[in-house]
C-alpha atoms as a PDB file:
ATOM      1  CA  MET A   1      89.142 140.173  -6.963  1.00  0.00           C
ATOM      2  CA  LYS A   2      91.987 141.067  -8.987  1.00  0.00           C
ATOM      3  CA  SER A   3      93.618 144.865  -8.902  1.00  0.00           C
ATOM      4  CA  LYS A   4      95.281 146.479 -11.431  1.00  0.00           C
ATOM      5  CA  GLY A   5      98.454 144.169 -12.424  1.00  0.00           C
ATOM      6  CA  ASN A   6      98.623 141.014 -11.534  1.00  0.00           C
ATOM      7  CA  THR A   7      99.434 141.988  -7.734  1.00  0.00           C
ATOM      8  CA  SER A   8      96.109 140.989  -5.811  1.00  0.00           C
ATOM      9  CA  ASP A   9      94.629 142.352  -3.039  1.00  0.00           C
ATOM     10  CA  PRO A  10      96.278 141.759   0.543  1.00  0.00           C
ATOM     11  CA  PHE A  11      92.599 142.362   1.790  1.00  0.00           C
ATOM     12  CA  LEU A  12      90.913 139.659   0.132  1.00  0.00           C
ATOM     13  CA  SER A  13      90.488 137.340   3.055  1.00  0.00           C
ATOM     14  CA  ALA A  14      89.125 140.133   5.684  1.00  0.00           C
ATOM     15  CA  LYS A  15      86.600 141.889   2.523  1.00  0.00           C
ATOM     16  CA  LYS A  16      85.300 138.011   2.004  1.00  0.00           C
ATOM     17  CA  LYS A  17      84.993 137.531   5.886  1.00  0.00           C
ATOM     18  CA  ALA A  18      82.940 140.696   5.842  1.00  0.00           C
ATOM     19  CA  ARG A  19      80.883 140.294   2.936  1.00  0.00           C
ATOM     20  CA  HIS A  20      79.797 136.568   4.792  1.00  0.00           C
ATOM     21  CA  ARG A  21      79.142 138.319   8.580  1.00  0.00           C
ATOM     22  CA  LEU A  22      77.018 140.722   6.328  1.00  0.00           C
ATOM     23  CA  ILE A  23      75.034 138.615   4.381  1.00  0.00           C
ATOM     24  CA  GLY A  24      74.858 136.522   8.002  1.00  0.00           C
ATOM     25  CA  VAL A  25      73.903 139.236   9.754  1.00  0.00           C
ATOM     26  CA  GLY A  26      71.314 139.884   7.000  1.00  0.00           C
ATOM     27  CA  LEU A  27      70.060 136.889   7.051  1.00  0.00           C
ATOM     28  CA  PHE A  28      69.796 136.193  11.281  1.00  0.00           C
ATOM     29  CA  SER A  29      67.349 139.320  11.211  1.00  0.00           C
ATOM     30  CA  LEU A  30      64.986 138.352   8.626  1.00  0.00           C
ATOM     31  CA  PHE A  31      65.153 135.410  10.889  1.00  0.00           C
ATOM     32  CA  LEU A  32      63.588 137.132  13.917  1.00  0.00           C
ATOM     33  CA  TYR A  33      61.833 139.177  11.927  1.00  0.00           C
ATOM     34  CA  PHE A  34      59.263 136.747  10.600  1.00  0.00           C
ATOM     35  CA  LEU A  35      59.927 134.730  14.093  1.00  0.00           C
ATOM     36  CA  GLY A  36      59.100 138.207  15.939  1.00  0.00           C
ATOM     37  CA  ASP A  37      56.195 138.682  13.642  1.00  0.00           C
ATOM     38  CA  VAL A  38      54.281 134.765  14.627  1.00  0.00           C
ATOM     39  CA  PHE A  39      55.135 134.975  18.346  1.00  0.00           C
ATOM     40  CA  PHE A  40      53.604 138.534  18.964  1.00  0.00           C
ATOM     41  CA  ASN A  41      50.399 137.931  16.115  1.00  0.00           C
ATOM     42  CA  LEU A  42      49.424 135.164  18.448  1.00  0.00           C
ATOM     43  CA  PRO A  43      46.078 135.051  20.259  1.00  0.00           C
ATOM     44  CA  PRO A  44      46.517 135.382  24.009  1.00  0.00           C
ATOM     45  CA  LYS A  45      45.936 133.510  26.762  1.00  0.00           C
ATOM     46  CA  TYR A  46      42.890 135.020  29.131  1.00  0.00           C
ATOM     47  CA  LEU A  47      43.012 135.025  32.859  1.00  0.00           C
ATOM     48  CA  PRO A  48      40.307 133.236  34.487  1.00  0.00           C
ATOM     49  CA  THR A  49      36.936 134.974  34.687  1.00  0.00           C
ATOM     50  CA  ASP A  50      35.517 133.311  38.628  1.00  0.00           C
ATOM     51  CA  PHE A  51      38.458 132.230  41.050  1.00  0.00           C
ATOM     52  CA  VAL A  52      38.141 131.395  45.033  1.00  0.00           C
ATOM     53  CA  VAL A  53      39.835 132.672  47.582  1.00  0.00           C
ATOM     54  CA  GLU A  54      40.300 131.065  50.206  1.00  0.00           C
ATOM     55  CA  THR A  55      40.810 132.934  53.484  1.00  0.00           C
ATOM     56  CA  LEU A  56      43.350 131.647  56.870  1.00  0.00           C
ATOM     57  CA  GLU A  57      39.561 130.968  58.772  1.00  0.00           C
ATOM     58  CA  GLU A  58      38.421 128.967  55.351  1.00  0.00           C
ATOM     59  CA  SER A  59      40.816 126.377  55.083  1.00  0.00           C
ATOM     60  CA  ARG A  60      41.875 125.087  58.646  1.00  0.00           C
ATOM     61  CA  SER A  61      41.855 121.237  58.126  1.00  0.00           C
ATOM     62  CA  SER A  62      40.140 119.279  61.251  1.00  0.00           C
ATOM     63  CA  ARG A  63      43.057 118.251  63.090  1.00  0.00           C
ATOM     64  CA  GLU A  64      43.825 122.220  63.632  1.00  0.00           C
ATOM     65  CA  LEU A  65      40.052 122.958  64.623  1.00  0.00           C
ATOM     66  CA  ALA A  66      40.327 119.044  66.483  1.00  0.00           C
ATOM     67  CA  ALA A  67      43.629 120.629  68.150  1.00  0.00           C
ATOM     68  CA  GLU A  68      41.936 124.083  68.995  1.00  0.00           C
ATOM     69  CA  TYR A  69      39.359 122.090  70.648  1.00  0.00           C
ATOM     70  CA  ASN A  70      41.488 120.755  73.026  1.00  0.00           C
ATOM     71  CA  ARG A  71      43.137 123.315  73.424  1.00  0.00           C
ATOM     72  CA  LEU A  72      40.506 125.350  74.969  1.00  0.00           C
ATOM     73  CA  ASN A  73      39.127 121.889  76.922  1.00  0.00           C
ATOM     74  CA  ARG A  74      42.491 122.117  78.569  1.00  0.00           C
ATOM     75  CA  LYS A  75      42.287 125.816  79.265  1.00  0.00           C
ATOM     76  CA  LEU A  76      38.632 126.200  80.853  1.00  0.00           C
ATOM     77  CA  GLY A  77      39.546 123.069  82.837  1.00  0.00           C
ATOM     78  CA  LYS A  78      36.303 121.752  81.330  1.00  0.00           C
ATOM     79  CA  VAL A  79      34.116 120.089  78.523  1.00  0.00           C
ATOM     80  CA  ILE A  80      32.897 122.722  75.976  1.00  0.00           C
ATOM     81  CA  GLY A  81      29.204 122.115  74.988  1.00  0.00           C
ATOM     82  CA  ASP A  82      27.242 123.188  72.240  1.00  0.00           C
ATOM     83  CA  GLU A  83      25.919 125.808  73.335  1.00  0.00           C
ATOM     84  CA  ASP A  84      29.322 127.192  74.556  1.00  0.00           C
ATOM     85  CA  ILE A  85      30.577 126.321  70.760  1.00  0.00           C
ATOM     86  CA  LYS A  86      27.637 128.452  69.709  1.00  0.00           C
ATOM     87  CA  ILE A  87      28.818 131.405  71.197  1.00  0.00           C
ATOM     88  CA  LEU A  88      32.328 130.902  70.501  1.00  0.00           C
ATOM     89  CA  LYS A  89      31.266 131.014  66.708  1.00  0.00           C
ATOM     90  CA  ASN A  90      29.480 134.449  67.429  1.00  0.00           C
ATOM     91  CA  LEU A  91      32.031 135.448  68.724  1.00  0.00           C
ATOM     92  CA  LYS A  92      34.266 134.852  65.684  1.00  0.00           C
ATOM     93  CA  ARG A  93      31.783 135.456  63.213  1.00  0.00           C
ATOM     94  CA  LYS A  94      32.914 138.424  61.191  1.00  0.00           C
ATOM     95  CA  ASN A  95      30.541 140.605  59.266  1.00  0.00           C
ATOM     96  CA  TRP A  96      31.530 142.116  55.928  1.00  0.00           C
ATOM     97  CA  PHE A  97      30.635 145.388  54.849  1.00  0.00           C
ATOM     98  CA  VAL A  98      31.035 146.354  51.187  1.00  0.00           C
ATOM     99  CA  GLN A  99      32.780 149.688  50.605  1.00  0.00           C
ATOM    100  CA  ALA A 100      30.749 150.776  47.181  1.00  0.00           C
ATOM    101  CA  GLY A 101      32.727 154.613  47.190  1.00  0.00           C
ATOM    102  CA  MET A 102      34.820 157.196  49.661  1.00  0.00           C
ATOM    103  CA  PHE A 103      34.811 160.486  48.575  1.00  0.00           C
ATOM    104  CA  ASP A 104      35.714 164.006  49.480  1.00  0.00           C
ATOM    105  CA  ASN A 105      32.713 165.618  47.776  1.00  0.00           C
ATOM    106  CA  ARG A 106      29.412 165.462  49.952  1.00  0.00           C
ATOM    107  CA  GLU A 107      27.379 165.502  47.039  1.00  0.00           C
ATOM    108  CA  LYS A 108      28.833 162.952  44.782  1.00  0.00           C
ATOM    109  CA  ALA A 109      28.579 160.440  48.140  1.00  0.00           C
ATOM    110  CA  ASP A 110      24.775 161.137  47.590  1.00  0.00           C
ATOM    111  CA  LEU A 111      24.890 160.946  44.103  1.00  0.00           C
ATOM    112  CA  LEU A 112      26.223 157.406  44.849  1.00  0.00           C
ATOM    113  CA  ASN A 113      23.686 156.729  47.800  1.00  0.00           C
ATOM    114  CA  GLU A 114      20.803 157.346  45.868  1.00  0.00           C
ATOM    115  CA  ARG A 115      22.535 155.196  42.665  1.00  0.00           C
ATOM    116  CA  LEU A 116      22.189 152.158  45.102  1.00  0.00           C
ATOM    117  CA  ILE A 117      18.890 152.459  46.640  1.00  0.00           C
ATOM    118  CA  LEU A 118      17.637 152.923  43.083  1.00  0.00           C
ATOM    119  CA  GLU A 119      19.275 149.523  42.051  1.00  0.00           C
ATOM    120  CA  GLY A 120      17.710 147.948  45.607  1.00  0.00           C
ATOM    121  CA  TYR A 121      20.239 148.225  48.158  1.00  0.00           C
ATOM    122  CA  SER A 122      20.128 149.837  51.727  1.00  0.00           C
ATOM    123  CA  PRO A 123      23.303 152.351  51.767  1.00  0.00           C
ATOM    124  CA  ASN A 124      25.034 153.982  54.488  1.00  0.00           C
ATOM    125  CA  LEU A 125      26.746 157.305  54.522  1.00  0.00           C
ATOM    126  CA  LYS A 126      29.509 157.759  56.928  1.00  0.00           C
ATOM    127  CA  GLU A 127      31.428 160.686  57.412  1.00  0.00           C
ATOM    128  CA  ARG A 128      35.334 160.465  59.204  1.00  0.00           C
ATOM    129  CA  LYS A 129      36.930 163.010  60.058  1.00  0.00           C
ATOM    130  CA  VAL A 130      40.512 162.702  58.126  1.00  0.00           C
ATOM    131  CA  GLY A 131      43.317 165.564  59.007  1.00  0.00           C
ATOM    132  CA  ASP A 132      41.245 169.185  58.677  1.00  0.00           C
ATOM    133  CA  GLY A 133      38.877 167.216  56.326  1.00  0.00           C
ATOM    134  CA  TYR A 134      36.153 164.817  55.947  1.00  0.00           C
ATOM    135  CA  ILE A 135      35.968 161.588  53.697  1.00  0.00           C
ATOM    136  CA  PHE A 136      32.508 160.286  53.149  1.00  0.00           C
ATOM    137  CA  LEU A 137      32.624 156.366  52.877  1.00  0.00           C
ATOM    138  CA  VAL A 138      28.792 154.384  51.225  1.00  0.00           C
ATOM    139  CA  ILE A 139      28.520 151.348  52.741  1.00  0.00           C
ATOM    140  CA  LEU A 140      26.411 148.228  52.062  1.00  0.00           C
ATOM    141  CA  GLY A 141      26.234 145.386  55.014  1.00  0.00           C
ATOM    142  CA  PRO A 142      26.608 143.486  57.052  1.00  0.00           C
ATOM    143  CA  PHE A 143      26.916 140.595  55.122  1.00  0.00           C
ATOM    144  CA  ASN A 144      28.499 137.041  55.379  1.00  0.00           C
ATOM    145  CA  LEU A 145      31.409 136.713  52.908  1.00  0.00           C
ATOM    146  CA  VAL A 146      30.264 135.068  49.995  1.00  0.00           C
ATOM    147  CA  LYS A 147      27.037 137.627  49.833  1.00  0.00           C
ATOM    148  CA  ALA A 148      30.064 140.185  50.252  1.00  0.00           C
ATOM    149  CA  GLU A 149      31.972 138.695  47.533  1.00  0.00           C
ATOM    150  CA  GLU A 150      28.848 138.352  45.284  1.00  0.00           C
ATOM    151  CA  ILE A 151      27.867 142.325  45.697  1.00  0.00           C
ATOM    152  CA  VAL A 152      31.580 143.637  44.950  1.00  0.00           C
ATOM    153  CA  ASN A 153      32.047 141.893  42.131  1.00  0.00           C
ATOM    154  CA  LYS A 154      28.100 143.353  41.171  1.00  0.00           C
ATOM    155  CA  MET A 155      29.550 147.017  41.891  1.00  0.00           C
ATOM    156  CA  ILE A 156      32.742 146.058  39.841  1.00  0.00           C
ATOM    157  CA  SER A 157      30.778 144.745  36.899  1.00  0.00           C
ATOM    158  CA  LYS A 158      28.915 147.981  37.112  1.00  0.00           C
ATOM    159  CA  GLY A 159      32.192 150.214  36.729  1.00  0.00           C
ATOM    160  CA  LEU A 160      32.543 151.475  40.944  1.00  0.00           C
ATOM    161  CA  LYS A 161      34.942 150.787  42.896  1.00  0.00           C
ATOM    162  CA  ALA A 162      33.789 147.935  45.570  1.00  0.00           C
ATOM    163  CA  ASP A 163      35.898 146.732  47.931  1.00  0.00           C
ATOM    164  CA  LEU A 164      35.283 144.330  50.803  1.00  0.00           C
ATOM    165  CA  ASN A 165      35.786 145.958  54.950  1.00  0.00           C
ATOM    166  CA  ARG A 166      35.085 145.426  58.037  1.00  0.00           C
ATOM    167  CA  PHE A 167      33.878 148.059  60.014  1.00  0.00           C
END
């Protein structure tokens, strides 16, 4: 660019660099806009609906069980028989309960209790003192772990806030 007369503009090179930068920023912004549009319009990757969570008791290897068996034999000073194993299993058996609801209002707990009776369950209503007041628990069970998880999944699918517990 020329100014008045034959003198050249002393800032011509700086102006050219500024224009090039401005064009580059504009093109880069358009690139990011289209890239973001493509990236954010991808369909979501869904999580699996069914998954199994193994507890420590369920995932023990046969070597660990054999080592515990041998440890018990040494501790007792005798060989453990089948009847002893049955007794130990019954002692270690965990009974699972489904807590279908927890309320600070007896009427709400009674409503859920009646709803579960109509659906074919046998709920128990437990009253616990907490501080100066009471809470009311609607409990189903006892069940084994697999059955308890099935019932919790059914309760959650019906919109209840069910949870596994051991009382």
